Amino acid sequence: MPAPLHFYFDFISPYGYLASLKIEDLAKKHGRTVEWHAMLLGVSVMKVMGLKPLLDTPLKGDYARRDVLRHVRKNKIAFARDIDAPVGNPLPMARAFCLVKHHHPHLQELMARLIYRAYWAQGLDLSTPEAVARIHLPDGLSPAWLESQLHGEFAATLLRREVDASLRAGIFGSPTVVVDSEPFWGFDRLADVDEWLKRGGW
């Protein structure tokens, strides 16, 4: 079996959301699977790189607002969230994903998609464990169990491990796809990922 594509994302990233809708089909086209990895832009961009969030960056932020909505219209993607709405606390979403990935790895894709859909397609505020536990969850996953776990230290530890691993891998942005150790950053690089897989690199 060829190595999986490693897909790094932050739930607060609109470009991460857009890429999450395409990455599995792209991988299957080339006989690959996808390993999903949560990362935190608040750590990589603000703490490590010392930069402002994308939408708070003069000139670039205004462009990104137009660009995201262009992609949404072009691809007819459900998008109910005001792109300028307060981000809220991203930790409950990321911790919930890490918990499900740890305990039920076969559900990692589905859990990521459900969180993304609730946050971006439905525009829900998912800044608390209670809110995350109320979204539509994979069959068999208990909301009460998830909420309880999100208040515990283990969920925080799992996310810290994921974030630390992403930094060691050199990941700084969402989305980033790593193909056989070759990183591609940005939603607009999915076409390059497709071509790289088709040609075997260049």
Protein backbone atom coordinates (compact mmCIF):
# COMPACT_ATOMS: atom_id res chain seq x y z
CA MET A 1 0.00 0.00 0.00
CA PRO A 2 1.34 3.47 -0.84
CA ALA A 3 1.78 5.85 2.07
CA PRO A 4 -1.25 7.93 3.09
CA LEU A 5 -1.55 11.62 2.38
CA HIS A 6 -1.14 13.58 5.60
CA PHE A 7 -3.76 16.33 5.82
CA TYR A 8 -3.12 19.06 8.40
CA PHE A 9 -5.96 21.44 9.23
CA ASP A 10 -7.40 23.86 11.76
CA PHE A 11 -11.17 23.97 12.12
CA ILE A 12 -11.15 27.79 12.23
CA SER A 13 -9.51 27.91 8.79
CA PRO A 14 -11.98 28.52 5.94
CA TYR A 15 -9.41 27.21 3.49
CA GLY A 16 -9.05 24.12 5.63
CA TYR A 17 -12.80 23.63 5.35
CA LEU A 18 -12.70 23.95 1.57
CA ALA A 19 -9.83 21.48 1.30
CA SER A 20 -11.51 19.01 3.65
CA LEU A 21 -14.28 18.58 1.10
CA LYS A 22 -11.84 17.52 -1.62
CA ILE A 23 -8.92 15.71 0.01
CA GLU A 24 -10.47 12.23 0.27
CA ASP A 25 -11.58 12.16 -3.38
CA LEU A 26 -8.15 13.38 -4.43
CA ALA A 27 -6.44 10.64 -2.43
CA LYS A 28 -8.74 7.90 -3.77
CA LYS A 29 -8.06 9.03 -7.34
CA HIS A 30 -4.44 8.00 -6.81
CA GLY A 31 -5.03 4.91 -4.68
CA ARG A 32 -4.09 6.65 -1.43
CA THR A 33 -5.74 7.05 1.95
CA VAL A 34 -5.73 10.14 4.17
CA GLU A 35 -4.39 10.58 7.68
CA TRP A 36 -6.07 13.62 9.25
CA HIS A 37 -4.07 15.80 11.67
CA ALA A 38 -5.37 18.68 13.80
CA MET A 39 -3.10 21.71 14.16
CA LEU A 40 -3.59 25.15 15.69
CA LEU A 41 -2.97 28.34 13.76
CA GLY A 42 -2.92 30.20 17.05
CA VAL A 43 0.26 28.31 17.88
CA SER A 44 2.01 28.08 14.50
CA VAL A 45 1.15 31.51 13.13
CA MET A 46 0.80 33.71 16.20
CA LYS A 47 3.16 32.14 18.74
CA VAL A 48 5.87 30.49 16.64
CA MET A 49 5.90 32.77 13.59
CA GLY A 50 4.82 35.91 15.42
CA LEU A 51 2.30 36.92 12.76
CA LYS A 52 -1.27 38.23 12.88
CA PRO A 53 -4.23 36.02 11.95
CA LEU A 54 -4.91 36.04 8.21
CA LEU A 55 -8.10 38.11 8.35
CA ASP A 56 -6.46 40.66 10.65
CA THR A 57 -3.59 41.23 8.23
CA PRO A 58 -3.94 44.52 6.29
CA LEU A 59 -4.68 44.10 2.57
CA LYS A 60 -4.22 40.33 2.64
CA GLY A 61 -7.22 39.88 4.94
CA ASP A 62 -9.55 41.76 2.59
CA TYR A 63 -8.33 39.66 -0.33
CA ALA A 64 -8.86 36.42 1.58
CA ARG A 65 -12.45 37.36 2.37
CA ARG A 66 -13.21 37.76 -1.33
CA ASP A 67 -11.21 34.68 -2.29
CA VAL A 68 -12.94 32.32 0.14
CA LEU A 69 -16.38 33.44 -0.98
CA ARG A 70 -15.38 33.06 -4.64
CA HIS A 71 -14.48 29.43 -4.00
CA VAL A 72 -17.72 28.91 -2.09
CA ARG A 73 -19.81 30.28 -4.97
CA LYS A 74 -17.83 28.48 -7.66
CA ASN A 75 -18.13 25.08 -5.98
CA LYS A 76 -21.65 25.64 -4.54
CA ILE A 77 -20.43 24.90 -1.01
CA ALA A 78 -22.68 25.29 2.03
CA PHE A 79 -21.34 28.25 3.98
CA ALA A 80 -23.52 29.84 6.67
CA ARG A 81 -20.83 31.33 8.89
CA ASP A 82 -20.04 35.03 8.73
CA ILE A 83 -16.36 34.99 7.86
CA ASP A 84 -15.83 37.96 10.19
CA ALA A 85 -17.67 36.39 13.13
CA PRO A 86 -15.55 35.90 16.27
CA VAL A 87 -13.56 32.71 16.00
CA GLY A 88 -14.24 31.66 19.56
CA ASN A 89 -12.21 29.04 21.38
CA PRO A 90 -10.97 26.44 18.85
CA LEU A 91 -9.76 23.98 21.48
CA PRO A 92 -13.00 22.01 22.07
CA MET A 93 -13.34 21.24 18.35
CA ALA A 94 -9.73 20.16 17.97
CA ARG A 95 -9.77 18.14 21.18
CA ALA A 96 -12.97 16.38 20.14
CA PHE A 97 -11.38 15.37 16.86
CA CYS A 98 -8.25 14.10 18.63
CA LEU A 99 -10.34 12.06 21.07
CA VAL A 100 -12.30 10.37 18.31
CA LYS A 101 -9.15 9.79 16.26
CA HIS A 102 -7.47 8.18 19.28
CA HIS A 103 -10.36 5.96 20.39
CA HIS A 104 -11.99 5.34 16.99
CA PRO A 105 -9.39 6.01 14.26
CA HIS A 106 -11.71 4.76 11.53
CA LEU A 107 -14.01 7.69 12.34
CA GLN A 108 -11.39 10.45 12.04
CA GLU A 109 -12.51 11.62 8.60
CA LEU A 110 -16.20 11.57 9.49
CA MET A 111 -15.66 13.40 12.79
CA ALA A 112 -13.59 16.10 11.09
CA ARG A 113 -16.23 16.56 8.42
CA LEU A 114 -19.06 16.78 10.96
CA ILE A 115 -17.24 19.42 12.99
CA TYR A 116 -16.37 21.39 9.87
CA ARG A 117 -19.98 21.20 8.67
CA ALA A 118 -21.35 22.41 12.01
CA TYR A 119 -18.86 25.28 12.22
CA TRP A 120 -18.81 26.53 8.62
CA ALA A 121 -21.83 25.11 6.79
CA GLN A 122 -24.20 25.68 9.72
CA GLY A 123 -22.40 28.59 11.34
CA LEU A 124 -22.57 27.19 14.87
CA ASP A 125 -20.54 28.46 17.80
CA LEU A 126 -18.47 25.47 18.89
CA SER A 127 -16.32 27.20 21.50
CA THR A 128 -17.42 25.00 24.42
CA PRO A 129 -17.39 21.26 25.08
CA GLU A 130 -21.16 21.34 25.50
CA ALA A 131 -21.67 22.89 22.07
CA VAL A 132 -19.39 20.39 20.34
CA ALA A 133 -21.14 17.47 22.04
CA ARG A 134 -24.49 18.72 20.68
CA ILE A 135 -23.55 18.52 16.99
CA HIS A 136 -24.50 15.54 14.86
CA LEU A 137 -21.98 12.89 15.89
CA PRO A 138 -20.97 9.60 14.25
CA ASP A 139 -23.34 6.74 15.04
CA GLY A 140 -22.52 5.10 18.35
CA LEU A 141 -20.60 8.08 19.76
CA SER A 142 -22.18 9.25 23.00
CA PRO A 143 -22.61 13.03 23.42
CA ALA A 144 -22.37 12.60 27.20
CA TRP A 145 -19.11 10.67 26.88
CA LEU A 146 -17.65 13.26 24.51
CA GLU A 147 -18.61 16.21 26.70
CA SER A 148 -17.18 14.53 29.78
CA GLN A 149 -13.92 13.70 27.99
CA LEU A 150 -13.56 17.24 26.69
CA HIS A 151 -13.49 18.50 30.27
CA GLY A 152 -10.64 16.10 31.09
CA GLU A 153 -6.89 16.44 30.77
CA PHE A 154 -6.45 13.52 28.37
CA ALA A 155 -8.16 15.39 25.53
CA ALA A 156 -5.85 18.36 26.08
CA THR A 157 -2.83 16.07 26.10
CA LEU A 158 -3.84 14.44 22.82
CA LEU A 159 -4.16 17.82 21.12
CA ARG A 160 -0.83 19.05 22.48
CA ARG A 161 0.80 15.95 21.01
CA GLU A 162 -0.80 16.59 17.63
CA VAL A 163 0.23 20.25 17.61
CA ASP A 164 3.78 19.45 18.70
CA ALA A 165 4.03 16.80 15.99
CA SER A 166 2.77 19.24 13.36
CA LEU A 167 5.43 21.78 14.32
CA ARG A 168 8.16 19.14 14.20
CA ALA A 169 6.93 18.29 10.70
CA GLY A 170 7.32 21.94 9.70
CA ILE A 171 3.60 22.60 9.36
CA PHE A 172 2.59 26.25 9.75
CA GLY A 173 -0.63 26.68 7.75
CA SER A 174 -4.04 25.18 7.17
CA PRO A 175 -4.50 23.27 5.00
CA THR A 176 -1.22 21.51 4.36
CA VAL A 177 -0.98 18.19 2.53
CA VAL A 178 2.19 16.14 2.86
CA VAL A 179 2.80 13.64 0.06
CA ASP A 180 5.68 11.25 0.74
CA SER A 181 7.47 13.92 2.83
CA GLU A 182 6.74 16.68 0.28
CA PRO A 183 4.59 19.47 1.82
CA PHE A 184 2.01 21.50 -0.10
CA TRP A 185 0.51 24.46 1.76
CA GLY A 186 -2.80 26.01 0.79
CA PHE A 187 -6.13 25.10 -0.73
CA ASP A 188 -4.85 26.39 -4.07
CA ARG A 189 -2.09 23.77 -4.02
CA LEU A 190 -4.44 20.79 -4.31
CA ALA A 191 -4.00 20.89 -8.07
CA ASP A 192 -0.25 20.57 -7.53
CA VAL A 193 -0.84 17.63 -5.19
CA ASP A 194 -2.89 15.98 -7.92
CA GLU A 195 -0.17 16.58 -10.52
CA TRP A 196 2.60 15.44 -8.15
CA LEU A 197 0.81 12.17 -7.49
CA LYS A 198 0.13 11.69 -11.21
CA ARG A 199 3.73 12.30 -12.27
CA GLY A 200 5.51 10.91 -9.23
CA GLY A 201 7.01 14.29 -8.41
CA TRP A 202 9.35 16.59 -10.26
